[in-house]
């Protein structure tokens, strides 16, 4: 009998340096991006990041990493599940 292994889940973590640089691991998609708001879908739920002058430095959906720069004011989680692929994830492939 053949056993199937569950799909490997990428670890989720958030690292913020001086409220101006963030690296988020476990990102599955980015649903919304503006200089004031980013909505990223992770394997632990959706993260809303609020701030000003925010820019996406790197988005790698394959590795599950999102890197942002700019003034970071707030992070909040909710339990939203990923929908389809967003325009941003298709652009940064």
N, C-alpha and C. Protein backbone atom coordinates (compact mmCIF):
# COMPACT_ATOMS: atom_id res chain seq x y z
N UNK A 1 0.84 -1.18 0.00
CA UNK A 1 0.00 0.00 0.00
C UNK A 1 0.89 1.24 0.00
N UNK A 2 0.57 2.18 -0.87
CA UNK A 2 1.36 3.39 -1.01
C UNK A 2 0.81 4.47 -0.08
N UNK A 3 1.71 5.06 0.74
CA UNK A 3 1.30 6.15 1.63
C UNK A 3 1.58 7.47 0.95
N UNK A 4 0.67 8.41 1.13
CA UNK A 4 0.87 9.74 0.56
C UNK A 4 1.30 10.69 1.66
N UNK A 5 2.26 11.52 1.35
CA UNK A 5 2.74 12.51 2.29
C UNK A 5 1.95 13.80 2.07
N UNK A 6 1.59 14.50 3.15
CA UNK A 6 0.90 15.78 2.97
C UNK A 6 1.84 16.78 2.32
N UNK A 7 1.25 17.72 1.59
CA UNK A 7 2.05 18.76 0.95
C UNK A 7 2.82 19.52 2.01
N UNK A 8 4.07 19.85 1.72
CA UNK A 8 4.90 20.54 2.67
C UNK A 8 4.40 21.97 2.83
N UNK A 9 4.15 22.36 4.07
CA UNK A 9 3.69 23.71 4.37
C UNK A 9 4.91 24.57 4.69
N UNK A 10 5.03 25.70 4.03
CA UNK A 10 6.13 26.60 4.28
C UNK A 10 5.91 27.31 5.61
N UNK A 11 6.96 27.43 6.38
CA UNK A 11 6.87 28.10 7.68
C UNK A 11 6.48 29.56 7.49
N UNK A 12 5.68 30.06 8.42
CA UNK A 12 5.26 31.45 8.37
C UNK A 12 6.02 32.22 9.44
N UNK A 13 6.59 33.34 9.04
CA UNK A 13 7.26 34.22 10.00
C UNK A 13 7.19 35.65 9.49
N UNK A 14 7.33 36.57 10.43
CA UNK A 14 7.36 38.00 10.10
C UNK A 14 8.54 38.60 10.84
N UNK A 15 9.39 39.31 10.11
CA UNK A 15 10.52 40.00 10.72
C UNK A 15 10.44 41.46 10.29
N UNK A 16 10.42 42.35 11.29
CA UNK A 16 10.34 43.79 11.02
C UNK A 16 11.57 44.45 11.61
N UNK A 17 12.27 45.23 10.79
CA UNK A 17 13.43 45.99 11.24
C UNK A 17 13.10 47.48 11.25
N UNK A 18 13.16 48.08 12.42
CA UNK A 18 13.01 49.54 12.58
C UNK A 18 11.74 50.10 11.95
N UNK A 19 10.69 49.30 11.89
CA UNK A 19 9.40 49.73 11.32
C UNK A 19 9.53 50.24 9.89
N UNK A 20 10.62 49.87 9.18
CA UNK A 20 10.79 50.36 7.82
C UNK A 20 11.12 49.26 6.82
N UNK A 21 11.33 48.04 7.29
CA UNK A 21 11.68 46.92 6.42
C UNK A 21 11.07 45.66 7.02
N UNK A 22 10.33 44.91 6.21
CA UNK A 22 9.71 43.68 6.70
C UNK A 22 9.94 42.54 5.72
N UNK A 23 10.20 41.36 6.27
CA UNK A 23 10.32 40.13 5.49
C UNK A 23 9.26 39.19 6.03
N UNK A 24 8.36 38.75 5.16
CA UNK A 24 7.27 37.87 5.56
C UNK A 24 7.42 36.57 4.80
N UNK A 25 7.51 35.45 5.52
CA UNK A 25 7.63 34.13 4.92
C UNK A 25 6.30 33.40 5.02
N UNK A 26 6.07 32.47 4.11
CA UNK A 26 4.82 31.72 4.10
C UNK A 26 3.73 32.42 3.31
N UNK A 27 4.12 33.37 2.46
CA UNK A 27 3.14 34.13 1.65
C UNK A 27 2.72 33.29 0.45
N UNK A 28 1.41 33.18 0.27
CA UNK A 28 0.86 32.43 -0.86
C UNK A 28 0.38 33.34 -1.98
N UNK A 29 0.05 34.59 -1.66
CA UNK A 29 -0.46 35.52 -2.67
C UNK A 29 -0.49 36.92 -2.07
N UNK A 30 -0.51 37.93 -2.92
CA UNK A 30 -0.74 39.31 -2.50
C UNK A 30 -2.00 39.77 -3.22
N UNK A 31 -3.02 40.07 -2.43
CA UNK A 31 -4.32 40.41 -2.99
C UNK A 31 -4.46 41.90 -3.29
N UNK A 32 -3.78 42.74 -2.49
CA UNK A 32 -3.91 44.18 -2.64
C UNK A 32 -2.59 44.84 -2.28
N UNK A 33 -2.21 45.85 -3.06
CA UNK A 33 -1.01 46.61 -2.74
C UNK A 33 -1.21 48.07 -3.10
N UNK A 34 -0.91 48.94 -2.15
CA UNK A 34 -0.81 50.38 -2.41
C UNK A 34 0.27 50.89 -1.46
N UNK A 35 0.63 52.13 -1.56
CA UNK A 35 1.65 52.69 -0.68
C UNK A 35 1.22 52.74 0.77
N UNK A 36 -0.09 52.62 1.02
CA UNK A 36 -0.63 52.70 2.37
C UNK A 36 -1.16 51.38 2.92
N UNK A 37 -1.40 50.39 2.05
CA UNK A 37 -2.01 49.14 2.51
C UNK A 37 -1.56 47.97 1.64
N UNK A 38 -1.19 46.86 2.30
CA UNK A 38 -0.86 45.62 1.61
C UNK A 38 -1.68 44.52 2.25
N UNK A 39 -2.33 43.70 1.44
CA UNK A 39 -3.06 42.54 1.92
C UNK A 39 -2.39 41.31 1.35
N UNK A 40 -1.73 40.54 2.21
CA UNK A 40 -1.01 39.34 1.80
C UNK A 40 -1.71 38.13 2.39
N UNK A 41 -1.88 37.08 1.57
CA UNK A 41 -2.48 35.84 2.04
C UNK A 41 -1.35 34.87 2.36
N UNK A 42 -1.38 34.33 3.59
CA UNK A 42 -0.35 33.40 4.04
C UNK A 42 -0.99 32.08 4.41
N UNK A 43 -0.16 31.10 4.72
CA UNK A 43 -0.69 29.82 5.15
C UNK A 43 -1.25 29.86 6.57
N UNK A 44 -1.16 31.01 7.23
CA UNK A 44 -1.73 31.20 8.56
C UNK A 44 -2.86 32.22 8.57
N UNK A 45 -3.37 32.58 7.41
CA UNK A 45 -4.43 33.58 7.29
C UNK A 45 -3.93 34.80 6.54
N UNK A 46 -4.80 35.78 6.39
CA UNK A 46 -4.46 37.00 5.67
C UNK A 46 -3.81 38.00 6.63
N UNK A 47 -2.84 38.76 6.12
CA UNK A 47 -2.21 39.83 6.89
C UNK A 47 -2.50 41.14 6.18
N UNK A 48 -2.97 42.12 6.93
CA UNK A 48 -3.12 43.46 6.43
C UNK A 48 -2.01 44.30 7.05
N UNK A 49 -1.25 44.97 6.21
CA UNK A 49 -0.14 45.81 6.65
C UNK A 49 -0.49 47.23 6.29
N UNK A 50 -0.51 48.12 7.28
CA UNK A 50 -0.82 49.52 7.05
C UNK A 50 0.42 50.37 7.28
N UNK A 51 0.57 51.42 6.50
CA UNK A 51 1.72 52.30 6.63
C UNK A 51 1.67 53.40 5.61
N UNK A 52 2.85 53.93 5.29
CA UNK A 52 2.93 54.96 4.26
C UNK A 52 4.22 54.80 3.48
N UNK A 53 4.17 55.12 2.21
CA UNK A 53 5.34 55.01 1.35
C UNK A 53 5.85 53.58 1.21
N UNK A 54 4.97 52.61 1.38
CA UNK A 54 5.40 51.21 1.31
C UNK A 54 5.60 50.79 -0.14
N UNK A 55 6.66 49.99 -0.35
CA UNK A 55 6.98 49.46 -1.66
C UNK A 55 7.32 47.99 -1.53
N UNK A 56 6.93 47.20 -2.51
CA UNK A 56 7.31 45.79 -2.54
C UNK A 56 8.71 45.71 -3.13
N UNK A 57 9.67 45.29 -2.32
CA UNK A 57 11.04 45.12 -2.80
C UNK A 57 11.18 43.79 -3.52
N UNK A 58 10.52 42.75 -2.98
CA UNK A 58 10.61 41.42 -3.58
C UNK A 58 9.35 40.63 -3.25
N UNK A 59 8.82 39.94 -4.22
CA UNK A 59 7.70 39.01 -4.02
C UNK A 59 8.04 37.74 -4.77
N UNK A 60 8.18 36.66 -4.02
CA UNK A 60 8.49 35.36 -4.62
C UNK A 60 7.48 34.36 -4.09
N UNK A 61 6.43 34.12 -4.85
CA UNK A 61 5.37 33.21 -4.44
C UNK A 61 5.89 31.78 -4.36
N UNK A 62 6.81 31.41 -5.24
CA UNK A 62 7.37 30.05 -5.23
C UNK A 62 8.05 29.75 -3.90
N UNK A 63 8.85 30.71 -3.40
CA UNK A 63 9.52 30.54 -2.11
C UNK A 63 8.67 31.03 -0.95
N UNK A 64 7.58 31.72 -1.25
CA UNK A 64 6.68 32.21 -0.20
C UNK A 64 7.22 33.41 0.56
N UNK A 65 7.98 34.29 -0.11
CA UNK A 65 8.58 35.41 0.60
C UNK A 65 8.15 36.75 0.02
N UNK A 66 7.80 37.66 0.91
CA UNK A 66 7.44 39.03 0.56
C UNK A 66 8.34 39.96 1.35
N UNK A 67 9.00 40.91 0.67
CA UNK A 67 9.86 41.88 1.32
C UNK A 67 9.31 43.27 0.99
N UNK A 68 9.06 44.06 2.04
CA UNK A 68 8.52 45.41 1.83
C UNK A 68 9.39 46.44 2.55
N UNK A 69 9.41 47.64 1.99
CA UNK A 69 10.10 48.79 2.58
C UNK A 69 9.11 49.93 2.70
N UNK A 70 9.32 50.81 3.65
CA UNK A 70 8.45 51.97 3.86
C UNK A 70 8.08 52.03 5.33
N UNK A 71 7.33 53.03 5.70
CA UNK A 71 6.91 53.19 7.10
C UNK A 71 5.79 52.20 7.40
N UNK A 72 6.03 51.32 8.36
CA UNK A 72 5.05 50.30 8.75
C UNK A 72 4.39 50.74 10.05
N UNK A 73 3.06 50.92 10.01
CA UNK A 73 2.32 51.37 11.18
C UNK A 73 1.59 50.24 11.89
N UNK A 74 1.09 49.24 11.15
CA UNK A 74 0.28 48.20 11.80
C UNK A 74 0.25 46.92 10.98
N UNK A 75 0.16 45.79 11.69
CA UNK A 75 -0.06 44.46 11.10
C UNK A 75 -1.31 43.90 11.76
N UNK A 76 -2.16 43.27 10.99
CA UNK A 76 -3.28 42.55 11.60
C UNK A 76 -3.59 41.30 10.78
N UNK A 77 -4.01 40.26 11.47
CA UNK A 77 -4.34 38.98 10.84
C UNK A 77 -5.84 38.78 10.81
N UNK A 78 -6.32 38.06 9.80
CA UNK A 78 -7.67 37.50 9.83
C UNK A 78 -7.60 36.13 9.18
N UNK A 79 -8.67 35.39 9.22
CA UNK A 79 -8.67 33.99 8.81
C UNK A 79 -9.07 33.77 7.35
N UNK A 80 -9.04 34.81 6.54
CA UNK A 80 -9.43 34.67 5.14
C UNK A 80 -8.57 33.64 4.43
N UNK A 81 -9.20 32.80 3.64
CA UNK A 81 -8.47 31.79 2.86
C UNK A 81 -8.10 32.38 1.51
N UNK A 82 -7.00 31.91 0.90
CA UNK A 82 -6.62 32.41 -0.42
C UNK A 82 -7.69 32.16 -1.47
N UNK A 83 -7.86 33.15 -2.37
CA UNK A 83 -8.78 33.00 -3.50
C UNK A 83 -7.98 32.53 -4.70
N UNK A 84 -8.15 33.14 -5.84
CA UNK A 84 -7.36 32.81 -7.02
C UNK A 84 -6.06 33.59 -7.01
N UNK A 85 -5.29 33.46 -8.06
CA UNK A 85 -4.03 34.19 -8.18
C UNK A 85 -4.31 35.67 -8.45
N UNK A 86 -3.58 36.55 -7.78
CA UNK A 86 -3.75 37.98 -7.98
C UNK A 86 -2.88 38.47 -9.13
N UNK A 87 -3.13 39.68 -9.54
CA UNK A 87 -2.35 40.30 -10.60
C UNK A 87 -0.90 40.46 -10.15
N UNK A 88 -0.68 40.87 -8.90
CA UNK A 88 0.68 41.08 -8.40
C UNK A 88 1.48 39.79 -8.42
N UNK A 89 0.90 38.70 -8.00
CA UNK A 89 1.65 37.43 -7.98
C UNK A 89 2.01 36.98 -9.39
N UNK A 90 1.15 37.27 -10.36
CA UNK A 90 1.48 36.89 -11.73
C UNK A 90 2.57 37.80 -12.31
N UNK A 91 2.59 39.08 -11.92
CA UNK A 91 3.60 40.00 -12.42
C UNK A 91 4.99 39.69 -11.89
N UNK A 92 5.09 39.30 -10.61
CA UNK A 92 6.38 39.10 -9.97
C UNK A 92 6.91 37.69 -10.09
N UNK A 93 6.35 36.86 -10.91
CA UNK A 93 6.83 35.48 -11.08
C UNK A 93 8.16 35.43 -11.72
